[in-house]
Amino acid sequence: MIPEYGMYFIVSKFSMVFYTGRVRLLLSKGHSCYRPRRDGERKRKSVRGCIVDSNLSVLSLVVVRKGEQEIPGLTDKSIPRRLGPKRASKIRKLFNLTNKDDVRHYVIKRPLPLKEGKKQQFKSPKIQRLITPLTLQRKRHLLALKKKRCLKRKEQAADYAKLLAQRQKEAKVRKQEEIKRRRSASMRDSKSSAQSGPTAAKK
């Protein structure tokens, strides 16, 4: 393994813990696998060391660079993807299609296991975000409803403004009549007081 991969160290998240088993470290803010709930909080947690030995049953690796020879079962053969794209825009991107092309003819189908005495069957994914005539009809309907609501709001606003102007006009007329009535009443009072004044002086 070491000469094949050019003396790379296989490290884990805690690459400085040179130990084969688990150790309990005091973790603080900034360490991986730990999120403090308070400022300055530290917690003791169990962490496995970075030394690889026979105690490990599974080891996840990433091939960074391939050597001169092929790695059998890994780089010597290409394994195609089991499933193709499902979204309409991604199918268009894969096959370099335009908006006028029918995406349904380009879906990657998957062959099902062949049963005895039956034809070969295929399974294709349901295309997501597919623009159908029903989708366009629904979009037109929603736009029509939106326009209808907008017109209704404008009509209601115009009716309200008209009613408000009428009420303000009526209130103005009532106020002017009230002012006129008060003036006439005050003039009558002043005349009656002026007439009663000389008669009282004669007596």
N, C-alpha and C. Protein backbone atom coordinates (compact mmCIF):
# COMPACT_ATOMS: atom_id res chain seq x y z
N MET A 1 0.82 -1.20 0.00
CA MET A 1 0.00 0.00 0.00
C MET A 1 0.86 1.26 0.00
N ILE A 2 1.91 1.28 0.78
CA ILE A 2 2.70 2.51 0.91
C ILE A 2 3.48 2.82 -0.36
N PRO A 3 4.22 1.84 -0.98
CA PRO A 3 4.92 2.20 -2.21
C PRO A 3 3.98 2.53 -3.36
N GLU A 4 2.79 1.91 -3.39
CA GLU A 4 1.83 2.15 -4.46
C GLU A 4 1.32 3.59 -4.41
N TYR A 5 1.07 4.08 -3.19
CA TYR A 5 0.47 5.40 -3.04
C TYR A 5 1.49 6.48 -2.71
N GLY A 6 2.75 6.19 -2.87
CA GLY A 6 3.76 7.24 -2.74
C GLY A 6 3.97 7.72 -1.33
N MET A 7 3.95 6.83 -0.34
CA MET A 7 4.26 7.16 1.05
C MET A 7 3.31 8.21 1.64
N TYR A 8 2.04 8.15 1.24
CA TYR A 8 1.08 9.08 1.83
C TYR A 8 0.66 8.56 3.19
N PHE A 9 0.52 9.46 4.14
CA PHE A 9 -0.02 9.09 5.44
C PHE A 9 -1.53 9.04 5.34
N ILE A 10 -2.11 7.98 5.85
CA ILE A 10 -3.57 7.88 5.90
C ILE A 10 -3.99 8.48 7.23
N VAL A 11 -4.65 9.63 7.17
CA VAL A 11 -4.96 10.37 8.38
C VAL A 11 -6.46 10.47 8.53
N SER A 12 -6.91 10.63 9.76
CA SER A 12 -8.32 10.86 10.05
C SER A 12 -8.50 12.32 10.39
N LYS A 13 -9.69 12.67 10.90
CA LYS A 13 -9.94 14.06 11.29
C LYS A 13 -9.01 14.48 12.42
N PHE A 14 -8.70 13.54 13.32
CA PHE A 14 -7.79 13.82 14.41
C PHE A 14 -6.44 13.20 14.07
N SER A 15 -5.71 13.86 13.15
CA SER A 15 -4.48 13.28 12.62
C SER A 15 -3.32 13.35 13.61
N MET A 16 -3.42 14.13 14.63
CA MET A 16 -2.32 14.26 15.59
C MET A 16 -2.45 13.30 16.75
N VAL A 17 -3.53 12.52 16.81
CA VAL A 17 -3.71 11.55 17.90
C VAL A 17 -3.06 10.25 17.44
N PHE A 18 -1.80 10.04 17.78
CA PHE A 18 -1.07 8.85 17.35
C PHE A 18 -1.36 7.71 18.32
N TYR A 19 -2.50 7.07 18.06
CA TYR A 19 -2.93 5.99 18.94
C TYR A 19 -3.80 5.04 18.12
N THR A 20 -3.78 3.75 18.47
CA THR A 20 -4.55 2.77 17.69
C THR A 20 -6.01 2.71 18.11
N GLY A 21 -6.29 2.96 19.36
CA GLY A 21 -7.66 2.84 19.86
C GLY A 21 -8.31 4.20 20.06
N ARG A 22 -9.22 4.23 21.04
CA ARG A 22 -9.93 5.46 21.34
C ARG A 22 -9.33 6.15 22.55
N VAL A 23 -9.31 7.47 22.52
CA VAL A 23 -8.89 8.27 23.67
C VAL A 23 -9.95 9.33 23.92
N ARG A 24 -10.03 9.78 25.15
CA ARG A 24 -11.02 10.81 25.51
C ARG A 24 -10.31 12.15 25.60
N LEU A 25 -10.60 13.00 24.60
CA LEU A 25 -9.94 14.30 24.53
C LEU A 25 -10.87 15.40 25.02
N LEU A 26 -10.27 16.46 25.54
CA LEU A 26 -11.03 17.63 25.97
C LEU A 26 -11.16 18.56 24.75
N LEU A 27 -12.35 18.57 24.16
CA LEU A 27 -12.58 19.33 22.93
C LEU A 27 -13.13 20.71 23.23
N SER A 28 -12.72 21.68 22.43
CA SER A 28 -13.19 23.06 22.58
C SER A 28 -13.65 23.58 21.22
N LYS A 29 -13.95 24.86 21.14
CA LYS A 29 -14.43 25.46 19.90
C LYS A 29 -13.35 25.38 18.82
N GLY A 30 -13.75 24.97 17.61
CA GLY A 30 -12.79 24.84 16.53
C GLY A 30 -12.45 23.40 16.21
N HIS A 31 -12.66 22.49 17.17
CA HIS A 31 -12.42 21.07 16.90
C HIS A 31 -13.57 20.50 16.08
N SER A 32 -13.26 19.49 15.27
CA SER A 32 -14.32 18.83 14.52
C SER A 32 -15.08 17.89 15.43
N CYS A 33 -16.30 17.57 15.03
CA CYS A 33 -17.19 16.66 15.78
C CYS A 33 -17.62 17.24 17.12
N TYR A 34 -17.50 18.56 17.29
CA TYR A 34 -17.95 19.15 18.56
C TYR A 34 -18.38 20.59 18.30
N ARG A 35 -19.56 20.95 18.82
CA ARG A 35 -20.06 22.32 18.72
C ARG A 35 -20.40 22.81 20.11
N PRO A 36 -19.66 23.77 20.64
CA PRO A 36 -19.95 24.24 22.01
C PRO A 36 -21.26 25.00 22.07
N ARG A 37 -21.99 24.82 23.17
CA ARG A 37 -23.27 25.50 23.35
C ARG A 37 -23.12 26.82 24.09
N ARG A 38 -21.99 27.01 24.77
CA ARG A 38 -21.73 28.26 25.49
C ARG A 38 -20.35 28.77 25.14
N ASP A 39 -20.09 30.04 25.44
CA ASP A 39 -18.77 30.62 25.18
C ASP A 39 -17.75 29.99 26.13
N GLY A 40 -16.66 29.50 25.54
CA GLY A 40 -15.59 28.93 26.35
C GLY A 40 -15.87 27.54 26.87
N GLU A 41 -16.95 26.92 26.41
CA GLU A 41 -17.29 25.59 26.91
C GLU A 41 -16.36 24.54 26.30
N ARG A 42 -15.95 23.59 27.13
CA ARG A 42 -15.15 22.46 26.65
C ARG A 42 -15.79 21.18 27.15
N LYS A 43 -15.59 20.10 26.38
CA LYS A 43 -16.22 18.85 26.74
C LYS A 43 -15.29 17.69 26.39
N ARG A 44 -15.30 16.68 27.24
CA ARG A 44 -14.45 15.51 27.00
C ARG A 44 -15.24 14.51 26.16
N LYS A 45 -14.68 14.19 24.98
CA LYS A 45 -15.36 13.28 24.06
C LYS A 45 -14.39 12.20 23.59
N SER A 46 -14.99 11.08 23.18
CA SER A 46 -14.20 9.93 22.74
C SER A 46 -13.80 10.11 21.27
N VAL A 47 -12.50 9.92 20.97
CA VAL A 47 -11.95 10.13 19.63
C VAL A 47 -11.03 8.96 19.30
N ARG A 48 -11.11 8.46 18.06
CA ARG A 48 -10.21 7.38 17.66
C ARG A 48 -8.93 7.96 17.08
N GLY A 49 -7.82 7.31 17.37
CA GLY A 49 -6.52 7.76 16.87
C GLY A 49 -6.37 7.50 15.39
N CYS A 50 -5.27 8.04 14.81
CA CYS A 50 -5.09 8.00 13.35
C CYS A 50 -4.25 6.82 12.88
N ILE A 51 -3.76 5.98 13.78
CA ILE A 51 -2.92 4.86 13.36
C ILE A 51 -3.81 3.74 12.82
N VAL A 52 -3.50 3.30 11.59
CA VAL A 52 -4.27 2.25 10.93
C VAL A 52 -3.66 0.90 11.28
N ASP A 53 -4.48 0.00 11.79
CA ASP A 53 -3.99 -1.35 12.11
C ASP A 53 -5.09 -2.36 11.85
N SER A 54 -4.91 -3.56 12.35
CA SER A 54 -5.86 -4.65 12.08
C SER A 54 -7.17 -4.52 12.84
N ASN A 55 -7.27 -3.56 13.75
CA ASN A 55 -8.52 -3.38 14.50
C ASN A 55 -9.63 -2.79 13.62
N LEU A 56 -9.24 -2.12 12.54
CA LEU A 56 -10.23 -1.50 11.67
C LEU A 56 -10.81 -2.53 10.71
N SER A 57 -12.14 -2.57 10.62
CA SER A 57 -12.79 -3.49 9.67
C SER A 57 -13.03 -2.82 8.32
N VAL A 58 -13.29 -1.50 8.33
CA VAL A 58 -13.56 -0.76 7.09
C VAL A 58 -12.74 0.52 7.12
N LEU A 59 -12.20 0.90 5.96
CA LEU A 59 -11.42 2.13 5.86
C LEU A 59 -11.83 2.85 4.58
N SER A 60 -12.32 4.07 4.70
CA SER A 60 -12.74 4.86 3.54
C SER A 60 -11.54 5.62 2.99
N LEU A 61 -11.26 5.45 1.71
CA LEU A 61 -10.11 6.10 1.08
C LEU A 61 -10.55 6.84 -0.18
N VAL A 62 -9.75 7.82 -0.58
CA VAL A 62 -9.96 8.55 -1.82
C VAL A 62 -8.67 8.49 -2.61
N VAL A 63 -8.75 8.07 -3.88
CA VAL A 63 -7.56 8.00 -4.74
C VAL A 63 -7.27 9.41 -5.24
N VAL A 64 -6.15 9.97 -4.76
CA VAL A 64 -5.78 11.33 -5.14
C VAL A 64 -5.06 11.33 -6.48
N ARG A 65 -4.11 10.39 -6.66
CA ARG A 65 -3.33 10.34 -7.90
C ARG A 65 -3.03 8.89 -8.24
N LYS A 66 -3.21 8.55 -9.50
CA LYS A 66 -2.96 7.17 -9.96
C LYS A 66 -1.51 7.02 -10.37
N GLY A 67 -0.94 5.85 -10.08
CA GLY A 67 0.44 5.57 -10.45
C GLY A 67 0.57 5.11 -11.90
N GLU A 68 1.71 4.47 -12.21
CA GLU A 68 1.95 4.01 -13.58
C GLU A 68 1.05 2.84 -13.95
N GLN A 69 0.80 1.95 -12.99
CA GLN A 69 -0.01 0.77 -13.26
C GLN A 69 -1.46 1.02 -12.84
N GLU A 70 -2.33 0.25 -13.46
CA GLU A 70 -3.76 0.33 -13.13
C GLU A 70 -4.03 -0.41 -11.82
N ILE A 71 -5.00 0.09 -11.06
CA ILE A 71 -5.42 -0.59 -9.83
C ILE A 71 -6.54 -1.55 -10.23
N PRO A 72 -6.34 -2.86 -10.05
CA PRO A 72 -7.37 -3.81 -10.52
C PRO A 72 -8.69 -3.64 -9.79
N GLY A 73 -9.76 -3.60 -10.59
CA GLY A 73 -11.11 -3.44 -10.04
C GLY A 73 -11.48 -2.02 -9.70
N LEU A 74 -10.55 -1.07 -9.88
CA LEU A 74 -10.84 0.32 -9.51
C LEU A 74 -10.65 1.27 -10.69
N THR A 75 -9.46 1.24 -11.30
CA THR A 75 -9.19 2.16 -12.41
C THR A 75 -9.07 1.46 -13.75
N ASP A 76 -9.10 0.11 -13.76
CA ASP A 76 -8.93 -0.59 -15.03
C ASP A 76 -10.23 -0.71 -15.83
N LYS A 77 -11.36 -0.40 -15.22
CA LYS A 77 -12.63 -0.45 -15.95
C LYS A 77 -13.52 0.72 -15.52
N SER A 78 -14.35 1.16 -16.43
CA SER A 78 -15.27 2.27 -16.14
C SER A 78 -16.66 1.70 -15.90
N ILE A 79 -17.23 2.05 -14.77
CA ILE A 79 -18.57 1.58 -14.41
C ILE A 79 -19.56 2.70 -14.72
N PRO A 80 -20.49 2.49 -15.64
CA PRO A 80 -21.46 3.56 -15.96
C PRO A 80 -22.42 3.81 -14.81
N ARG A 81 -22.98 4.99 -14.81
CA ARG A 81 -23.96 5.34 -13.78
C ARG A 81 -25.21 4.50 -13.97
N ARG A 82 -25.76 4.05 -12.86
CA ARG A 82 -26.94 3.19 -12.92
C ARG A 82 -28.16 3.98 -13.37
N LEU A 83 -28.29 5.21 -12.91
CA LEU A 83 -29.46 6.03 -13.23
C LEU A 83 -29.03 7.29 -13.96
N GLY A 84 -29.85 7.71 -14.91
CA GLY A 84 -29.60 8.94 -15.64
C GLY A 84 -30.27 10.12 -14.95
N PRO A 85 -30.14 11.31 -15.54
CA PRO A 85 -30.77 12.49 -14.93
C PRO A 85 -32.29 12.41 -14.97
N LYS A 86 -32.92 13.01 -13.98
CA LYS A 86 -34.38 12.95 -13.85
C LYS A 86 -35.03 14.30 -14.15
N ARG A 87 -34.32 15.37 -13.87
CA ARG A 87 -34.88 16.70 -14.09
C ARG A 87 -34.81 17.08 -15.58
N ALA A 88 -35.83 17.76 -16.06
CA ALA A 88 -35.93 18.08 -17.49
C ALA A 88 -34.77 18.94 -17.97
N SER A 89 -34.39 19.94 -17.17
CA SER A 89 -33.30 20.84 -17.58
C SER A 89 -31.96 20.11 -17.63
N LYS A 90 -31.77 19.12 -16.74
CA LYS A 90 -30.50 18.37 -16.74
C LYS A 90 -30.44 17.39 -17.91
N ILE A 91 -31.59 16.85 -18.31
CA ILE A 91 -31.63 15.99 -19.51
C ILE A 91 -31.29 16.82 -20.74
N ARG A 92 -31.84 18.05 -20.82
CA ARG A 92 -31.53 18.95 -21.93
C ARG A 92 -30.04 19.28 -21.97
N LYS A 93 -29.47 19.50 -20.80
CA LYS A 93 -28.04 19.84 -20.72
C LYS A 93 -27.18 18.65 -21.17
N LEU A 94 -27.58 17.43 -20.78
CA LEU A 94 -26.80 16.24 -21.12
C LEU A 94 -26.80 15.97 -22.62
N PHE A 95 -27.97 16.10 -23.26
CA PHE A 95 -28.08 15.80 -24.69
C PHE A 95 -28.01 17.05 -25.57
N ASN A 96 -27.74 18.21 -24.97
CA ASN A 96 -27.62 19.48 -25.70
C ASN A 96 -28.89 19.77 -26.51
N LEU A 97 -30.02 19.75 -25.83
CA LEU A 97 -31.31 19.95 -26.48
C LEU A 97 -31.75 21.40 -26.35
N THR A 98 -32.69 21.79 -27.21
CA THR A 98 -33.30 23.11 -27.12
C THR A 98 -34.64 22.98 -26.41
N ASN A 99 -35.29 24.11 -26.20
CA ASN A 99 -36.59 24.10 -25.52
C ASN A 99 -37.69 23.49 -26.39
N LYS A 100 -37.47 23.47 -27.70
CA LYS A 100 -38.48 22.92 -28.61
C LYS A 100 -38.42 21.40 -28.69
N ASP A 101 -37.27 20.80 -28.34
CA ASP A 101 -37.14 19.34 -28.38
C ASP A 101 -37.94 18.69 -27.26
N ASP A 102 -38.49 17.52 -27.56
CA ASP A 102 -39.28 16.77 -26.56
C ASP A 102 -38.32 15.97 -25.68
N VAL A 103 -38.31 16.30 -24.40
CA VAL A 103 -37.38 15.67 -23.45
C VAL A 103 -37.74 14.21 -23.22
N ARG A 104 -39.01 13.87 -23.38
CA ARG A 104 -39.47 12.52 -23.05
C ARG A 104 -38.85 11.45 -23.94
N HIS A 105 -38.39 11.85 -25.13
CA HIS A 105 -37.77 10.88 -26.04
C HIS A 105 -36.31 10.59 -25.68
N TYR A 106 -35.75 11.38 -24.75
CA TYR A 106 -34.33 11.25 -24.43
C TYR A 106 -34.08 10.72 -23.01
N VAL A 107 -35.11 10.23 -22.35
CA VAL A 107 -34.95 9.71 -20.99
C VAL A 107 -34.15 8.41 -21.03
N ILE A 108 -33.20 8.28 -20.12
CA ILE A 108 -32.38 7.06 -20.06
C ILE A 108 -33.18 5.99 -19.32
N LYS A 109 -33.47 4.90 -20.04
CA LYS A 109 -34.26 3.81 -19.46
C LYS A 109 -33.33 2.75 -18.88
N ARG A 110 -33.82 2.08 -17.84
CA ARG A 110 -33.04 1.05 -17.16
C ARG A 110 -33.67 -0.31 -17.43
N PRO A 111 -32.90 -1.29 -17.98
CA PRO A 111 -33.50 -2.60 -18.24
C PRO A 111 -33.72 -3.38 -16.95
N LEU A 112 -34.89 -3.97 -16.83
CA LEU A 112 -35.21 -4.79 -15.65
C LEU A 112 -34.71 -6.22 -15.88
N PRO A 113 -34.52 -6.98 -14.78
CA PRO A 113 -34.08 -8.37 -14.95
C PRO A 113 -35.04 -9.17 -15.83
N LEU A 114 -34.48 -9.90 -16.77
CA LEU A 114 -35.29 -10.63 -17.74
C LEU A 114 -35.90 -11.88 -17.10
N LYS A 115 -37.23 -12.02 -17.26
CA LYS A 115 -37.93 -13.20 -16.75
C LYS A 115 -38.14 -14.21 -17.88
N GLU A 116 -38.26 -15.46 -17.51
CA GLU A 116 -38.39 -16.52 -18.51
C GLU A 116 -39.73 -16.41 -19.25
N GLY A 117 -39.65 -16.49 -20.55
CA GLY A 117 -40.85 -16.46 -21.38
C GLY A 117 -41.51 -15.11 -21.48
N LYS A 118 -40.82 -14.03 -21.08
CA LYS A 118 -41.40 -12.69 -21.16
C LYS A 118 -40.45 -11.76 -21.89
N LYS A 119 -41.01 -10.66 -22.41
CA LYS A 119 -40.20 -9.68 -23.13
C LYS A 119 -39.35 -8.87 -22.15
N GLN A 120 -38.31 -8.27 -22.71
CA GLN A 120 -37.46 -7.38 -21.92
C GLN A 120 -38.24 -6.11 -21.57
N GLN A 121 -38.28 -5.81 -20.28
CA GLN A 121 -38.99 -4.61 -19.82
C GLN A 121 -37.99 -3.57 -19.34
N PHE A 122 -38.39 -2.31 -19.50
CA PHE A 122 -37.54 -1.19 -19.10
C PHE A 122 -38.28 -0.31 -18.10
N LYS A 123 -37.49 0.35 -17.30
CA LYS A 123 -38.06 1.27 -16.30
C LYS A 123 -37.44 2.65 -16.54
N SER A 124 -38.29 3.65 -16.69
CA SER A 124 -37.80 5.01 -16.91
C SER A 124 -38.28 5.92 -15.78
N PRO A 125 -37.48 6.90 -15.40
CA PRO A 125 -37.89 7.78 -14.30
C PRO A 125 -38.98 8.76 -14.72
N LYS A 126 -39.73 9.23 -13.74
CA LYS A 126 -40.73 10.28 -14.01
C LYS A 126 -39.99 11.61 -14.10
N ILE A 127 -40.15 12.28 -15.21
CA ILE A 127 -39.42 13.53 -15.44
C ILE A 127 -40.01 14.63 -14.57
N GLN A 128 -39.15 15.28 -13.82
CA GLN A 128 -39.57 16.38 -12.96
C GLN A 128 -39.38 17.71 -13.69
N ARG A 129 -40.22 18.70 -13.33
CA ARG A 129 -40.19 20.05 -13.92
C ARG A 129 -40.40 20.00 -15.44
N LEU A 130 -41.25 19.07 -15.86
CA LEU A 130 -41.56 18.95 -17.29
C LEU A 130 -42.68 19.94 -17.64
N ILE A 131 -42.44 20.74 -18.67
CA ILE A 131 -43.43 21.75 -19.08
C ILE A 131 -44.40 21.09 -20.06
N THR A 132 -45.61 20.84 -19.59
CA THR A 132 -46.65 20.20 -20.39
C THR A 132 -47.72 21.23 -20.75
N PRO A 133 -48.62 20.91 -21.69
CA PRO A 133 -49.73 21.84 -21.99
C PRO A 133 -50.59 22.15 -20.77
N LEU A 134 -50.75 21.16 -19.88
CA LEU A 134 -51.52 21.39 -18.66
C LEU A 134 -50.82 22.39 -17.75
N THR A 135 -49.48 22.31 -17.69
CA THR A 135 -48.71 23.27 -16.88
C THR A 135 -48.90 24.68 -17.41
N LEU A 136 -48.81 24.83 -18.74
CA LEU A 136 -48.98 26.15 -19.35
C LEU A 136 -50.40 26.67 -19.15
N GLN A 137 -51.39 25.75 -19.24
CA GLN A 137 -52.79 26.14 -19.02
C GLN A 137 -52.98 26.63 -17.59
N ARG A 138 -52.39 25.90 -16.63
CA ARG A 138 -52.49 26.30 -15.23
C ARG A 138 -51.83 27.66 -14.99
N LYS A 139 -50.69 27.86 -15.66
CA LYS A 139 -49.99 29.14 -15.52
C LYS A 139 -50.84 30.29 -16.06
N ARG A 140 -51.45 30.06 -17.25
CA ARG A 140 -52.33 31.08 -17.84
C ARG A 140 -53.52 31.36 -16.93
N HIS A 141 -54.08 30.30 -16.35
CA HIS A 141 -55.24 30.45 -15.46
C HIS A 141 -54.87 31.27 -14.22
N LEU A 142 -53.69 30.98 -13.65
CA LEU A 142 -53.25 31.72 -12.46
C LEU A 142 -52.99 33.19 -12.79
N LEU A 143 -52.41 33.44 -14.00
CA LEU A 143 -52.18 34.82 -14.42
C LEU A 143 -53.50 35.56 -14.64
N ALA A 144 -54.49 34.85 -15.21
CA ALA A 144 -55.82 35.45 -15.43
C ALA A 144 -56.48 35.80 -14.10
N LEU A 145 -56.35 34.87 -13.12
CA LEU A 145 -56.90 35.15 -11.79
C LEU A 145 -56.22 36.34 -11.14
N LYS A 146 -54.91 36.44 -11.34
CA LYS A 146 -54.14 37.56 -10.77
C LYS A 146 -54.61 38.89 -11.37
N LYS A 147 -54.78 38.90 -12.71
CA LYS A 147 -55.26 40.12 -13.38
C LYS A 147 -56.67 40.49 -12.92
N LYS A 148 -57.51 39.46 -12.76
CA LYS A 148 -58.89 39.68 -12.30
C LYS A 148 -58.90 40.30 -10.90
N ARG A 149 -58.05 39.76 -10.02
CA ARG A 149 -57.95 40.31 -8.66
C ARG A 149 -57.46 41.75 -8.68
N CYS A 150 -56.50 42.03 -9.57
CA CYS A 150 -55.95 43.39 -9.69
C CYS A 150 -57.03 44.37 -10.15
N LEU A 151 -57.80 43.98 -11.17
CA LEU A 151 -58.88 44.84 -11.67
C LEU A 151 -59.96 45.05 -10.61
N LYS A 152 -60.27 43.97 -9.87
CA LYS A 152 -61.28 44.06 -8.81
C LYS A 152 -60.83 45.03 -7.72
N ARG A 153 -59.53 44.94 -7.36
CA ARG A 153 -58.99 45.85 -6.34
C ARG A 153 -59.06 47.30 -6.80
N LYS A 154 -58.75 47.52 -8.10
CA LYS A 154 -58.80 48.89 -8.64
C LYS A 154 -60.22 49.43 -8.62
N GLU A 155 -61.18 48.58 -9.02
CA GLU A 155 -62.59 48.99 -9.01
C GLU A 155 -63.06 49.29 -7.59
N GLN A 156 -62.69 48.42 -6.64
CA GLN A 156 -63.08 48.65 -5.25
C GLN A 156 -62.45 49.93 -4.70
N ALA A 157 -61.18 50.18 -5.08
CA ALA A 157 -60.50 51.40 -4.63
C ALA A 157 -61.19 52.64 -5.21
N ALA A 158 -61.60 52.56 -6.50
CA ALA A 158 -62.29 53.69 -7.13
C ALA A 158 -63.65 53.93 -6.47
N ASP A 159 -64.39 52.85 -6.20
CA ASP A 159 -65.70 52.97 -5.53
C ASP A 159 -65.54 53.56 -4.14
N TYR A 160 -64.49 53.11 -3.43
CA TYR A 160 -64.25 53.62 -2.08
C TYR A 160 -63.90 55.11 -2.12
N ALA A 161 -63.05 55.50 -3.09
CA ALA A 161 -62.68 56.91 -3.21
C ALA A 161 -63.90 57.77 -3.54
N LYS A 162 -64.77 57.24 -4.41
CA LYS A 162 -66.01 57.96 -4.77
C LYS A 162 -66.91 58.13 -3.56
N LEU A 163 -67.09 57.05 -2.80
CA LEU A 163 -67.94 57.09 -1.60
C LEU A 163 -67.36 58.04 -0.55
N LEU A 164 -66.02 58.01 -0.42
CA LEU A 164 -65.35 58.88 0.56
C LEU A 164 -65.53 60.35 0.17
N ALA A 165 -65.40 60.65 -1.14
CA ALA A 165 -65.58 62.03 -1.60
C ALA A 165 -67.02 62.50 -1.36
N GLN A 166 -67.99 61.60 -1.59
CA GLN A 166 -69.40 61.94 -1.36
C GLN A 166 -69.65 62.22 0.12
N ARG A 167 -69.11 61.34 0.98
CA ARG A 167 -69.29 61.54 2.43
C ARG A 167 -68.65 62.85 2.90
N GLN A 168 -67.45 63.14 2.36
CA GLN A 168 -66.78 64.39 2.74
C GLN A 168 -67.58 65.61 2.28
N LYS A 169 -68.17 65.51 1.08
CA LYS A 169 -68.99 66.61 0.56
C LYS A 169 -70.22 66.82 1.43
N GLU A 170 -70.88 65.69 1.81
CA GLU A 170 -72.06 65.78 2.68
C GLU A 170 -71.70 66.37 4.04
N ALA A 171 -70.54 65.94 4.57
CA ALA A 171 -70.10 66.47 5.87
C ALA A 171 -69.82 67.97 5.78
N LYS A 172 -69.24 68.40 4.64
CA LYS A 172 -68.94 69.82 4.45
C LYS A 172 -70.22 70.64 4.38
N VAL A 173 -71.23 70.11 3.66
CA VAL A 173 -72.53 70.81 3.55
C VAL A 173 -73.18 70.92 4.92
N ARG A 174 -73.15 69.79 5.69
CA ARG A 174 -73.74 69.81 7.04
C ARG A 174 -73.05 70.82 7.94
N LYS A 175 -71.73 70.90 7.81
CA LYS A 175 -70.97 71.83 8.64
C LYS A 175 -71.32 73.28 8.29
N GLN A 176 -71.44 73.57 6.99
CA GLN A 176 -71.81 74.93 6.56
C GLN A 176 -73.21 75.30 7.05
N GLU A 177 -74.15 74.34 6.97
CA GLU A 177 -75.51 74.60 7.46
C GLU A 177 -75.50 74.85 8.97
N GLU A 178 -74.68 74.08 9.69
CA GLU A 178 -74.58 74.26 11.16
C GLU A 178 -74.02 75.64 11.49
N ILE A 179 -73.00 76.06 10.72
CA ILE A 179 -72.41 77.39 10.95
C ILE A 179 -73.43 78.48 10.65
N LYS A 180 -74.21 78.34 9.56
CA LYS A 180 -75.24 79.32 9.18
C LYS A 180 -76.32 79.40 10.26
N ARG A 181 -76.73 78.22 10.78
CA ARG A 181 -77.77 78.18 11.81
C ARG A 181 -77.30 78.87 13.09
N ARG A 182 -76.04 78.61 13.45
CA ARG A 182 -75.50 79.24 14.66
C ARG A 182 -75.41 80.76 14.51
N ARG A 183 -75.00 81.21 13.31
CA ARG A 183 -74.90 82.66 13.08
C ARG A 183 -76.27 83.33 13.18
N SER A 184 -77.28 82.69 12.55
CA SER A 184 -78.63 83.28 12.59
C SER A 184 -79.16 83.30 14.03
N ALA A 185 -78.87 82.25 14.80
CA ALA A 185 -79.32 82.19 16.20
C ALA A 185 -78.63 83.27 17.02
N SER A 186 -77.34 83.47 16.79
CA SER A 186 -76.60 84.50 17.56
C SER A 186 -77.08 85.90 17.19
N MET A 187 -77.45 86.11 15.90
CA MET A 187 -77.98 87.42 15.49
C MET A 187 -79.33 87.69 16.14
N ARG A 188 -80.20 86.66 16.24
CA ARG A 188 -81.49 86.82 16.90
C ARG A 188 -81.31 87.17 18.37
N ASP A 189 -80.36 86.49 19.02
CA ASP A 189 -80.11 86.77 20.44
C ASP A 189 -79.63 88.20 20.64
N SER A 190 -78.76 88.66 19.75
CA SER A 190 -78.23 90.03 19.91
C SER A 190 -79.33 91.07 19.67
N LYS A 191 -80.26 90.82 18.71
CA LYS A 191 -81.37 91.74 18.45
C LYS A 191 -82.32 91.80 19.64
N SER A 192 -82.64 90.63 20.20
CA SER A 192 -83.58 90.60 21.34
C SER A 192 -82.98 91.29 22.56
N SER A 193 -81.68 91.15 22.76
CA SER A 193 -81.04 91.81 23.91
C SER A 193 -80.98 93.32 23.70
N ALA A 194 -80.83 93.75 22.43
CA ALA A 194 -80.79 95.19 22.12
C ALA A 194 -82.17 95.82 22.33
N GLN A 195 -83.26 95.08 21.99
CA GLN A 195 -84.61 95.60 22.17
C GLN A 195 -85.01 95.64 23.65
N SER A 196 -84.59 94.66 24.43
CA SER A 196 -84.96 94.63 25.85
C SER A 196 -84.18 95.66 26.66
N GLY A 197 -83.08 96.14 26.16
CA GLY A 197 -82.24 97.11 26.89
C GLY A 197 -82.92 98.47 27.07
N PRO A 198 -83.47 99.18 26.04
CA PRO A 198 -84.10 100.49 26.19
C PRO A 198 -85.38 100.46 27.03
N THR A 199 -86.18 99.43 26.94
CA THR A 199 -87.41 99.34 27.73
C THR A 199 -87.10 99.28 29.22
N ALA A 200 -86.06 98.58 29.55
CA ALA A 200 -85.66 98.48 30.96
C ALA A 200 -85.16 99.83 31.46
N ALA A 201 -84.54 100.63 30.58
CA ALA A 201 -84.01 101.93 30.99
C ALA A 201 -85.14 102.93 31.22
N LYS A 202 -86.29 102.87 30.43
CA LYS A 202 -87.43 103.77 30.60
C LYS A 202 -88.10 103.56 31.94
N LYS A 203 -88.22 102.31 32.33
CA LYS A 203 -88.87 102.01 33.61
C LYS A 203 -88.04 102.56 34.74
